[in-house]
Every structure is written in structure tokens, then in C-alpha cells.
Amino acid sequence: MNRPIVNRLPDGAAVADAVAVAVLEKLASVLQVKPQAHFVVTGGTVGIASLASLARLDDGSVDWSRVHVWWGDERFVEKTSEDRNAVQARSAWLSRSAVPESNIHEFPASDQGLDLQAASQLFERELARFSSADAAYPEFDLLLLGMGPDGHIASLFPGHEHSSELVVVAVEDSPKPPPMRLSLNYAVINAAAEVWFTVAGADKADAVSVAFGDDPESLPVGRVAGKARTVWFVDQTAGVKTWGC
């Protein structure tokens, strides 16, 4: 894995703003050399705050009509539930962005007539519509991830193993409610050109120290990295046990 770049910020608000500014710069750069960009967003407190900052700081440098938006995972609940990452992302950013609705790729919801397994298979087909030359899913240019206090990323939890053949994982027993979720699998995340972690809060300090310690792969967060670059945006309280800041 490539050596991660670490940005240490004073607090969660500073993390959100730094992520937003960097996203704008990155997507504008991608669109200078590619006709489209594939951007994976994340939920969670810092992830949604970053999207709100993106809405506020958008300077017009990105042609959003050429950006496809995806999620790393989703809670398998009703389509309008506030628990859904997509609902929160629409409220914080997408509802006021210029991203076309046809470029927004939500995971299926529980009230769309599908069980969890069928929903995972449907979303695998959606990913395959934009497949790259090397895989049955898009070549994601930028993938954002949050991290739980237990070191989970997306809906990939410690102690939960999934077949490496799966593109989309159907999680039936998440230790964090709600229990049913859909998630991109490790191989899909690791195929992204860049993976950025957005982390804030004292409750994340132990997991951050493991991620930068001698056995990072003991936690899901230590098992993923971008193909070209891995970047961390970490606030003071989350980084205190690792860097003493």
C-alpha cells in the first residue's frame, strides 16, 4: 500500500472545510483529463459536514454535469428515511448542486420491492453499467470514507468477513443499527484511484492509532488504500494518540 498523506486539522469543522476544498480541486483536475469523474461520498457526521461545506464553498470550478456521484455504503431502510446516507447527502449538498439526477447513483431502498440480496445484485448491475476495462465497476477517481470508533469503514465491520468475489456486500447483522446495509466490498474500494479518510472526534483516537500502528490490517480501516494515493483528514482529538496533537 502507498504511504498515506496526513492532514491534521484543529477540529471537525476544519476537517469538513479542508475536505471540501480538496474535493473541488481534485475533481476539477480529473475533468481536465477525463470526460467524466466518478466520486464516492460517505455518510457520518464528518462526511455529511464535508458535503455541506462542499455546497457552501463550491466556486464553480467543477463541471458537475460530468460528475457521477456514488456512495460507499447505505442503510437498507425506506427511501425517504433520514437514516439513509443519500437522504442526508441530498439535504446537505445535492439538492443545491448542479449534479444531474441521472448522475446520482443511490443504493436501493427497503421499500422498493426487493429483499437485501436482490438489492445488492441490482446495484452490482448499476455499477457494471459504468464498468472499467479491468473490473465490473467504475474506476472511481475519488472515494471518501469515514471511520467508526471500532475501525469500520463503509459497512465493513471488524470480525465480519465477506467473500472477495462480491462487489456489493449485503450486510444482515451490522453491530451498529440499523442491522441491514449494503456496502461496496474491499476490492472495489481498493480499486479507487484515491481514497480519503475524513475522521474527527476523541472516540476515533484508538482506531487511528491502530491504523498507523504495527498491525493496521487488524481493522477494516487498515485494509484499504487508494491505488494512487491515500489521504487522511484528521482532527486534533482523533489524532492525539498517534501524533500527540
C-alpha atoms as a PDB file:
ATOM      1  CA  MET A   1       0.000   0.000   0.000  1.00  0.00           C
ATOM      2  CA  ASN A   2       1.125   3.554  -0.685  1.00  0.00           C
ATOM      3  CA  ARG A   3       2.244   5.728   2.191  1.00  0.00           C
ATOM      4  CA  PRO A   4      -0.700   7.847   3.353  1.00  0.00           C
ATOM      5  CA  ILE A   5      -0.667  11.622   3.328  1.00  0.00           C
ATOM      6  CA  VAL A   6      -1.941  13.032   6.621  1.00  0.00           C
ATOM      7  CA  ASN A   7      -3.608  16.417   7.051  1.00  0.00           C
ATOM      8  CA  ARG A   8      -4.019  17.295  10.722  1.00  0.00           C
ATOM      9  CA  LEU A   9      -6.727  19.869  11.456  1.00  0.00           C
ATOM     10  CA  PRO A  10      -7.882  21.590  14.655  1.00  0.00           C
ATOM     11  CA  ASP A  11     -11.447  20.241  14.754  1.00  0.00           C
ATOM     12  CA  GLY A  12     -14.241  18.580  12.811  1.00  0.00           C
ATOM     13  CA  ALA A  13     -15.373  21.810  11.150  1.00  0.00           C
ATOM     14  CA  ALA A  14     -11.859  22.394   9.854  1.00  0.00           C
ATOM     15  CA  VAL A  15     -11.750  18.812   8.569  1.00  0.00           C
ATOM     16  CA  ALA A  16     -15.013  19.327   6.679  1.00  0.00           C
ATOM     17  CA  ASP A  17     -13.836  22.557   5.065  1.00  0.00           C
ATOM     18  CA  ALA A  18     -10.432  21.117   4.136  1.00  0.00           C
ATOM     19  CA  VAL A  19     -12.056  18.071   2.548  1.00  0.00           C
ATOM     20  CA  ALA A  20     -14.463  20.239   0.553  1.00  0.00           C
ATOM     21  CA  VAL A  21     -11.715  22.481  -0.828  1.00  0.00           C
ATOM     22  CA  ALA A  22      -9.595  19.459  -1.738  1.00  0.00           C
ATOM     23  CA  VAL A  23     -12.552  17.715  -3.425  1.00  0.00           C
ATOM     24  CA  LEU A  24     -13.171  20.733  -5.649  1.00  0.00           C
ATOM     25  CA  GLU A  25      -9.504  20.853  -6.631  1.00  0.00           C
ATOM     26  CA  LYS A  26      -9.324  17.110  -7.254  1.00  0.00           C
ATOM     27  CA  LEU A  27     -12.472  16.828  -9.363  1.00  0.00           C
ATOM     28  CA  ALA A  28     -11.539  19.878 -11.439  1.00  0.00           C
ATOM     29  CA  SER A  29      -8.153  18.269 -12.069  1.00  0.00           C
ATOM     30  CA  VAL A  30      -9.702  14.932 -13.062  1.00  0.00           C
ATOM     31  CA  LEU A  31     -12.066  16.616 -15.510  1.00  0.00           C
ATOM     32  CA  GLN A  32      -9.149  18.284 -17.259  1.00  0.00           C
ATOM     33  CA  VAL A  33      -8.005  14.875 -18.490  1.00  0.00           C
ATOM     34  CA  LYS A  34     -11.150  12.707 -18.436  1.00  0.00           C
ATOM     35  CA  PRO A  35     -14.639  13.211 -19.865  1.00  0.00           C
ATOM     36  CA  GLN A  36     -16.294  12.135 -16.608  1.00  0.00           C
ATOM     37  CA  ALA A  37     -15.384  11.765 -12.945  1.00  0.00           C
ATOM     38  CA  HIS A  38     -16.734   9.129 -10.560  1.00  0.00           C
ATOM     39  CA  PHE A  39     -16.946  10.419  -6.991  1.00  0.00           C
ATOM     40  CA  VAL A  40     -17.912   8.274  -3.977  1.00  0.00           C
ATOM     41  CA  VAL A  41     -19.218  10.138  -0.935  1.00  0.00           C
ATOM     42  CA  THR A  42     -19.635   8.983   2.635  1.00  0.00           C
ATOM     43  CA  GLY A  43     -22.123   9.459   5.432  1.00  0.00           C
ATOM     44  CA  GLY A  44     -21.484  10.028   9.107  1.00  0.00           C
ATOM     45  CA  THR A  45     -21.150  13.300  10.966  1.00  0.00           C
ATOM     46  CA  VAL A  46     -17.923  14.442   9.319  1.00  0.00           C
ATOM     47  CA  GLY A  47     -18.845  13.052   5.913  1.00  0.00           C
ATOM     48  CA  ILE A  48     -22.131  14.963   5.784  1.00  0.00           C
ATOM     49  CA  ALA A  49     -20.483  18.086   7.214  1.00  0.00           C
ATOM     50  CA  SER A  50     -17.943  17.846   4.387  1.00  0.00           C
ATOM     51  CA  LEU A  51     -20.771  17.777   1.847  1.00  0.00           C
ATOM     52  CA  ALA A  52     -22.382  20.807   3.479  1.00  0.00           C
ATOM     53  CA  SER A  53     -19.033  22.574   3.202  1.00  0.00           C
ATOM     54  CA  LEU A  54     -18.835  21.495  -0.431  1.00  0.00           C
ATOM     55  CA  ALA A  55     -22.178  23.171  -1.100  1.00  0.00           C
ATOM     56  CA  ARG A  56     -21.048  26.344   0.672  1.00  0.00           C
ATOM     57  CA  LEU A  57     -17.553  26.545  -0.838  1.00  0.00           C
ATOM     58  CA  ASP A  58     -18.367  25.474  -4.408  1.00  0.00           C
ATOM     59  CA  ASP A  59     -16.578  28.041  -6.555  1.00  0.00           C
ATOM     60  CA  GLY A  60     -17.819  26.913  -9.959  1.00  0.00           C
ATOM     61  CA  SER A  61     -14.537  25.236 -10.864  1.00  0.00           C
ATOM     62  CA  VAL A  62     -16.158  21.803 -11.310  1.00  0.00           C
ATOM     63  CA  ASP A  63     -18.451  20.948 -14.222  1.00  0.00           C
ATOM     64  CA  TRP A  64     -20.902  18.914 -12.162  1.00  0.00           C
ATOM     65  CA  SER A  65     -22.730  17.715 -15.278  1.00  0.00           C
ATOM     66  CA  ARG A  66     -19.717  15.448 -15.853  1.00  0.00           C
ATOM     67  CA  VAL A  67     -19.541  14.053 -12.306  1.00  0.00           C
ATOM     68  CA  HIS A  68     -21.190  10.802 -11.217  1.00  0.00           C
ATOM     69  CA  VAL A  69     -21.945  10.512  -7.501  1.00  0.00           C
ATOM     70  CA  TRP A  70     -21.964   7.198  -5.632  1.00  0.00           C
ATOM     71  CA  TRP A  71     -21.966   6.026  -2.014  1.00  0.00           C
ATOM     72  CA  GLY A  72     -19.635   3.601  -0.271  1.00  0.00           C
ATOM     73  CA  ASP A  73     -22.491   2.109   1.723  1.00  0.00           C
ATOM     74  CA  GLU A  74     -26.107   2.616   2.657  1.00  0.00           C
ATOM     75  CA  ARG A  75     -28.586   1.658   5.364  1.00  0.00           C
ATOM     76  CA  PHE A  76     -31.268  -0.648   3.931  1.00  0.00           C
ATOM     77  CA  VAL A  77     -34.257   1.357   5.104  1.00  0.00           C
ATOM     78  CA  GLU A  78     -37.108   3.248   3.421  1.00  0.00           C
ATOM     79  CA  LYS A  79     -36.091   5.573   0.595  1.00  0.00           C
ATOM     80  CA  THR A  80     -37.107   8.725   2.460  1.00  0.00           C
ATOM     81  CA  SER A  81     -35.663   7.686   5.833  1.00  0.00           C
ATOM     82  CA  GLU A  82     -33.346  10.214   7.464  1.00  0.00           C
ATOM     83  CA  ASP A  83     -31.108   7.246   8.306  1.00  0.00           C
ATOM     84  CA  ARG A  84     -30.141   6.948   4.650  1.00  0.00           C
ATOM     85  CA  ASN A  85     -26.800   8.466   3.689  1.00  0.00           C
ATOM     86  CA  ALA A  86     -28.350   9.532   0.390  1.00  0.00           C
ATOM     87  CA  VAL A  87     -31.156  11.470   2.083  1.00  0.00           C
ATOM     88  CA  GLN A  88     -28.633  13.275   4.279  1.00  0.00           C
ATOM     89  CA  ALA A  89     -26.355  13.972   1.305  1.00  0.00           C
ATOM     90  CA  ARG A  90     -29.222  15.411  -0.715  1.00  0.00           C
ATOM     91  CA  SER A  91     -30.166  17.704   2.155  1.00  0.00           C
ATOM     92  CA  ALA A  92     -26.590  18.860   2.793  1.00  0.00           C
ATOM     93  CA  TRP A  93     -25.373  19.195  -0.787  1.00  0.00           C
ATOM     94  CA  LEU A  94     -27.033  17.522  -3.755  1.00  0.00           C
ATOM     95  CA  SER A  95     -30.333  19.404  -3.505  1.00  0.00           C
ATOM     96  CA  ARG A  96     -28.468  22.629  -4.251  1.00  0.00           C
ATOM     97  CA  SER A  97     -25.790  21.231  -6.561  1.00  0.00           C
ATOM     98  CA  ALA A  98     -25.673  21.075 -10.348  1.00  0.00           C
ATOM     99  CA  VAL A  99     -25.174  17.297 -10.425  1.00  0.00           C
ATOM    100  CA  PRO A 100     -27.827  15.877 -12.810  1.00  0.00           C
ATOM    101  CA  GLU A 101     -30.259  13.428 -11.233  1.00  0.00           C
ATOM    102  CA  SER A 102     -29.213  10.843 -13.837  1.00  0.00           C
ATOM    103  CA  ASN A 103     -25.667  11.028 -12.428  1.00  0.00           C
ATOM    104  CA  ILE A 104     -26.728  10.264  -8.845  1.00  0.00           C
ATOM    105  CA  HIS A 105     -26.464   6.541  -8.113  1.00  0.00           C
ATOM    106  CA  GLU A 106     -28.209   5.632  -4.859  1.00  0.00           C
ATOM    107  CA  PHE A 107     -28.271   2.147  -3.388  1.00  0.00           C
ATOM    108  CA  PRO A 108     -31.759   0.560  -3.481  1.00  0.00           C
ATOM    109  CA  ALA A 109     -34.083   1.129  -0.512  1.00  0.00           C
ATOM    110  CA  SER A 110     -36.077  -1.381   1.524  1.00  0.00           C
ATOM    111  CA  ASP A 111     -39.436  -0.153   0.204  1.00  0.00           C
ATOM    112  CA  GLN A 112     -38.609  -0.702  -3.462  1.00  0.00           C
ATOM    113  CA  GLY A 113     -39.891  -4.285  -3.572  1.00  0.00           C
ATOM    114  CA  LEU A 114     -36.530  -6.036  -3.155  1.00  0.00           C
ATOM    115  CA  ASP A 115     -35.029  -8.063  -0.365  1.00  0.00           C
ATOM    116  CA  LEU A 116     -31.463  -7.315   0.731  1.00  0.00           C
ATOM    117  CA  GLN A 117     -29.799  -9.875  -1.552  1.00  0.00           C
ATOM    118  CA  ALA A 118     -31.792  -8.793  -4.595  1.00  0.00           C
ATOM    119  CA  ALA A 119     -30.953  -5.167  -3.817  1.00  0.00           C
ATOM    120  CA  SER A 120     -27.235  -5.959  -3.724  1.00  0.00           C
ATOM    121  CA  GLN A 121     -27.471  -7.724  -7.084  1.00  0.00           C
ATOM    122  CA  LEU A 122     -29.396  -4.814  -8.602  1.00  0.00           C
ATOM    123  CA  PHE A 123     -26.736  -2.369  -7.503  1.00  0.00           C
ATOM    124  CA  GLU A 124     -23.989  -4.590  -8.872  1.00  0.00           C
ATOM    125  CA  ARG A 125     -25.722  -4.256 -12.240  1.00  0.00           C
ATOM    126  CA  GLU A 126     -25.833  -0.481 -11.839  1.00  0.00           C
ATOM    127  CA  LEU A 127     -22.096  -0.430 -11.150  1.00  0.00           C
ATOM    128  CA  ALA A 128     -21.499  -2.679 -14.162  1.00  0.00           C
ATOM    129  CA  ARG A 129     -23.144  -0.098 -16.440  1.00  0.00           C
ATOM    130  CA  PHE A 130     -20.050   2.036 -15.865  1.00  0.00           C
ATOM    131  CA  SER A 131     -17.524  -0.792 -15.687  1.00  0.00           C
ATOM    132  CA  SER A 132     -13.857  -0.150 -16.314  1.00  0.00           C
ATOM    133  CA  ALA A 133     -11.626  -2.222 -18.552  1.00  0.00           C
ATOM    134  CA  ASP A 134     -10.323  -4.187 -15.571  1.00  0.00           C
ATOM    135  CA  ALA A 135     -13.398  -4.711 -13.408  1.00  0.00           C
ATOM    136  CA  ALA A 136     -17.193  -4.893 -13.281  1.00  0.00           C
ATOM    137  CA  TYR A 137     -17.495  -1.470 -11.671  1.00  0.00           C
ATOM    138  CA  PRO A 138     -16.366   2.093 -12.387  1.00  0.00           C
ATOM    139  CA  GLU A 139     -12.839   3.325 -11.983  1.00  0.00           C
ATOM    140  CA  PHE A 140     -13.596   5.634  -9.071  1.00  0.00           C
ATOM    141  CA  ASP A 141     -11.488   8.773  -9.201  1.00  0.00           C
ATOM    142  CA  LEU A 142     -12.091   9.766  -5.595  1.00  0.00           C
ATOM    143  CA  LEU A 143     -13.645   7.787  -2.751  1.00  0.00           C
ATOM    144  CA  LEU A 144     -14.362   9.330   0.643  1.00  0.00           C
ATOM    145  CA  LEU A 145     -14.604   7.211   3.776  1.00  0.00           C
ATOM    146  CA  GLY A 146     -15.466   7.912   7.354  1.00  0.00           C
ATOM    147  CA  MET A 147     -14.363   5.605  10.156  1.00  0.00           C
ATOM    148  CA  GLY A 148     -16.173   4.316  13.216  1.00  0.00           C
ATOM    149  CA  PRO A 149     -14.649   4.091  16.706  1.00  0.00           C
ATOM    150  CA  ASP A 150     -14.295   0.338  16.089  1.00  0.00           C
ATOM    151  CA  GLY A 151     -12.303   0.944  12.901  1.00  0.00           C
ATOM    152  CA  HIS A 152     -15.099   0.040  10.494  1.00  0.00           C
ATOM    153  CA  ILE A 153     -15.306   1.737   7.108  1.00  0.00           C
ATOM    154  CA  ALA A 154     -18.372   1.857   4.855  1.00  0.00           C
ATOM    155  CA  SER A 155     -20.396  -1.059   6.317  1.00  0.00           C
ATOM    156  CA  LEU A 156     -17.405  -3.373   6.614  1.00  0.00           C
ATOM    157  CA  PHE A 157     -17.051  -4.206  10.302  1.00  0.00           C
ATOM    158  CA  PRO A 158     -14.338  -5.895  12.403  1.00  0.00           C
ATOM    159  CA  GLY A 159     -14.893  -9.633  12.677  1.00  0.00           C
ATOM    160  CA  HIS A 160     -17.214  -9.734   9.662  1.00  0.00           C
ATOM    161  CA  GLU A 161     -15.686 -11.461   6.659  1.00  0.00           C
ATOM    162  CA  HIS A 162     -17.176 -11.380   3.170  1.00  0.00           C
ATOM    163  CA  SER A 163     -16.399 -13.295   0.008  1.00  0.00           C
ATOM    164  CA  SER A 164     -13.823 -11.465  -2.075  1.00  0.00           C
ATOM    165  CA  GLU A 165     -15.921 -12.366  -5.127  1.00  0.00           C
ATOM    166  CA  LEU A 166     -18.657  -9.954  -4.072  1.00  0.00           C
ATOM    167  CA  VAL A 167     -18.764  -6.451  -5.493  1.00  0.00           C
ATOM    168  CA  VAL A 168     -21.601  -5.342  -3.206  1.00  0.00           C
ATOM    169  CA  VAL A 169     -21.919  -6.846   0.262  1.00  0.00           C
ATOM    170  CA  ALA A 170     -25.367  -7.479   1.753  1.00  0.00           C
ATOM    171  CA  VAL A 171     -24.898  -6.945   5.497  1.00  0.00           C
ATOM    172  CA  GLU A 172     -27.660  -8.560   7.548  1.00  0.00           C
ATOM    173  CA  ASP A 173     -26.235  -8.209  11.051  1.00  0.00           C
ATOM    174  CA  SER A 174     -24.499  -4.861  11.398  1.00  0.00           C
ATOM    175  CA  PRO A 175     -23.353  -4.338  15.011  1.00  0.00           C
ATOM    176  CA  LYS A 176     -24.415  -0.714  14.560  1.00  0.00           C
ATOM    177  CA  PRO A 177     -28.122  -0.159  13.831  1.00  0.00           C
ATOM    178  CA  PRO A 178     -29.872  -0.444  11.508  1.00  0.00           C
ATOM    179  CA  PRO A 179     -28.794  -4.079  11.042  1.00  0.00           C
ATOM    180  CA  MET A 180     -29.339  -4.380   7.283  1.00  0.00           C
ATOM    181  CA  ARG A 181     -26.993  -2.488   4.990  1.00  0.00           C
ATOM    182  CA  LEU A 182     -25.400  -2.518   1.556  1.00  0.00           C
ATOM    183  CA  SER A 183     -21.706  -1.804   1.094  1.00  0.00           C
ATOM    184  CA  LEU A 184     -19.017  -1.768  -1.532  1.00  0.00           C
ATOM    185  CA  ASN A 185     -16.556  -4.577  -0.828  1.00  0.00           C
ATOM    186  CA  TYR A 186     -12.850  -4.156  -0.111  1.00  0.00           C
ATOM    187  CA  ALA A 187     -11.700  -4.844  -3.678  1.00  0.00           C
ATOM    188  CA  VAL A 188     -13.962  -2.136  -5.086  1.00  0.00           C
ATOM    189  CA  ILE A 189     -12.762   0.427  -2.553  1.00  0.00           C
ATOM    190  CA  ASN A 190      -9.133  -0.505  -3.130  1.00  0.00           C
ATOM    191  CA  ALA A 191      -9.589  -0.053  -6.883  1.00  0.00           C
ATOM    192  CA  ALA A 192     -10.309   3.665  -6.428  1.00  0.00           C
ATOM    193  CA  ALA A 193      -7.557   5.970  -7.639  1.00  0.00           C
ATOM    194  CA  GLU A 194      -7.657   7.943  -4.405  1.00  0.00           C
ATOM    195  CA  VAL A 195      -9.158   7.069  -1.014  1.00  0.00           C
ATOM    196  CA  TRP A 196      -9.588   9.875   1.507  1.00  0.00           C
ATOM    197  CA  PHE A 197     -10.436   9.320   5.170  1.00  0.00           C
ATOM    198  CA  THR A 198     -12.440  12.002   6.987  1.00  0.00           C
ATOM    199  CA  VAL A 199     -12.073  11.477  10.733  1.00  0.00           C
ATOM    200  CA  ALA A 200     -12.831  13.614  13.784  1.00  0.00           C
ATOM    201  CA  GLY A 201     -13.574  13.017  17.444  1.00  0.00           C
ATOM    202  CA  ALA A 202     -11.834  11.625  20.512  1.00  0.00           C
ATOM    203  CA  ASP A 203     -13.746   8.352  20.171  1.00  0.00           C
ATOM    204  CA  LYS A 204     -11.775   7.662  16.959  1.00  0.00           C
ATOM    205  CA  ALA A 205      -8.324   8.043  18.561  1.00  0.00           C
ATOM    206  CA  ASP A 206      -7.776   4.347  19.338  1.00  0.00           C
ATOM    207  CA  ALA A 207      -8.710   3.228  15.818  1.00  0.00           C
ATOM    208  CA  VAL A 208      -6.476   5.891  14.249  1.00  0.00           C
ATOM    209  CA  SER A 209      -3.558   4.660  16.351  1.00  0.00           C
ATOM    210  CA  VAL A 210      -4.163   1.095  15.127  1.00  0.00           C
ATOM    211  CA  ALA A 211      -4.396   2.260  11.507  1.00  0.00           C
ATOM    212  CA  PHE A 212      -0.949   3.844  11.824  1.00  0.00           C
ATOM    213  CA  GLY A 213       0.487   1.144  14.083  1.00  0.00           C
ATOM    214  CA  ASP A 214       2.211  -2.203  13.555  1.00  0.00           C
ATOM    215  CA  ASP A 215      -0.905  -4.213  12.676  1.00  0.00           C
ATOM    216  CA  PRO A 216      -3.250  -1.923  10.719  1.00  0.00           C
ATOM    217  CA  GLU A 217      -4.980  -4.771   8.901  1.00  0.00           C
ATOM    218  CA  SER A 218      -6.453  -5.988  12.181  1.00  0.00           C
ATOM    219  CA  LEU A 219      -9.167  -3.404  11.496  1.00  0.00           C
ATOM    220  CA  PRO A 220     -11.114  -2.760   8.284  1.00  0.00           C
ATOM    221  CA  VAL A 221      -9.702   0.770   8.072  1.00  0.00           C
ATOM    222  CA  GLY A 222      -6.226  -0.682   7.698  1.00  0.00           C
ATOM    223  CA  ARG A 223      -7.227  -2.907   4.805  1.00  0.00           C
ATOM    224  CA  VAL A 224      -7.990  -0.177   2.281  1.00  0.00           C
ATOM    225  CA  ALA A 225      -5.926   2.314   0.309  1.00  0.00           C
ATOM    226  CA  GLY A 226      -6.171   4.207  -2.937  1.00  0.00           C
ATOM    227  CA  LYS A 227      -4.322   2.824  -5.949  1.00  0.00           C
ATOM    228  CA  ALA A 228      -2.521   6.122  -6.494  1.00  0.00           C
ATOM    229  CA  ARG A 229      -2.941   7.981  -3.231  1.00  0.00           C
ATOM    230  CA  THR A 230      -4.373   7.632   0.264  1.00  0.00           C
ATOM    231  CA  VAL A 231      -5.125  10.798   2.211  1.00  0.00           C
ATOM    232  CA  TRP A 232      -6.235  11.321   5.799  1.00  0.00           C
ATOM    233  CA  PHE A 233      -8.003  14.414   7.117  1.00  0.00           C
ATOM    234  CA  VAL A 234      -7.850  14.049  10.906  1.00  0.00           C
ATOM    235  CA  ASP A 235      -8.771  16.434  13.680  1.00  0.00           C
ATOM    236  CA  GLN A 236      -6.737  17.055  16.822  1.00  0.00           C
ATOM    237  CA  THR A 237      -8.759  14.809  19.113  1.00  0.00           C
ATOM    238  CA  ALA A 238      -8.763  11.837  16.724  1.00  0.00           C
ATOM    239  CA  GLY A 239      -5.013  12.090  16.184  1.00  0.00           C
ATOM    240  CA  VAL A 240      -3.910  12.670  19.752  1.00  0.00           C
ATOM    241  CA  LYS A 241      -2.770   9.079  20.456  1.00  0.00           C
ATOM    242  CA  THR A 242      -0.908   8.833  17.150  1.00  0.00           C
ATOM    243  CA  TRP A 243       0.761  12.214  16.775  1.00  0.00           C
ATOM    244  CA  GLY A 244       0.191  13.784  20.178  1.00  0.00           C
ATOM    245  CA  CYS A 245      -1.622  16.700  18.591  1.00  0.00           C
END
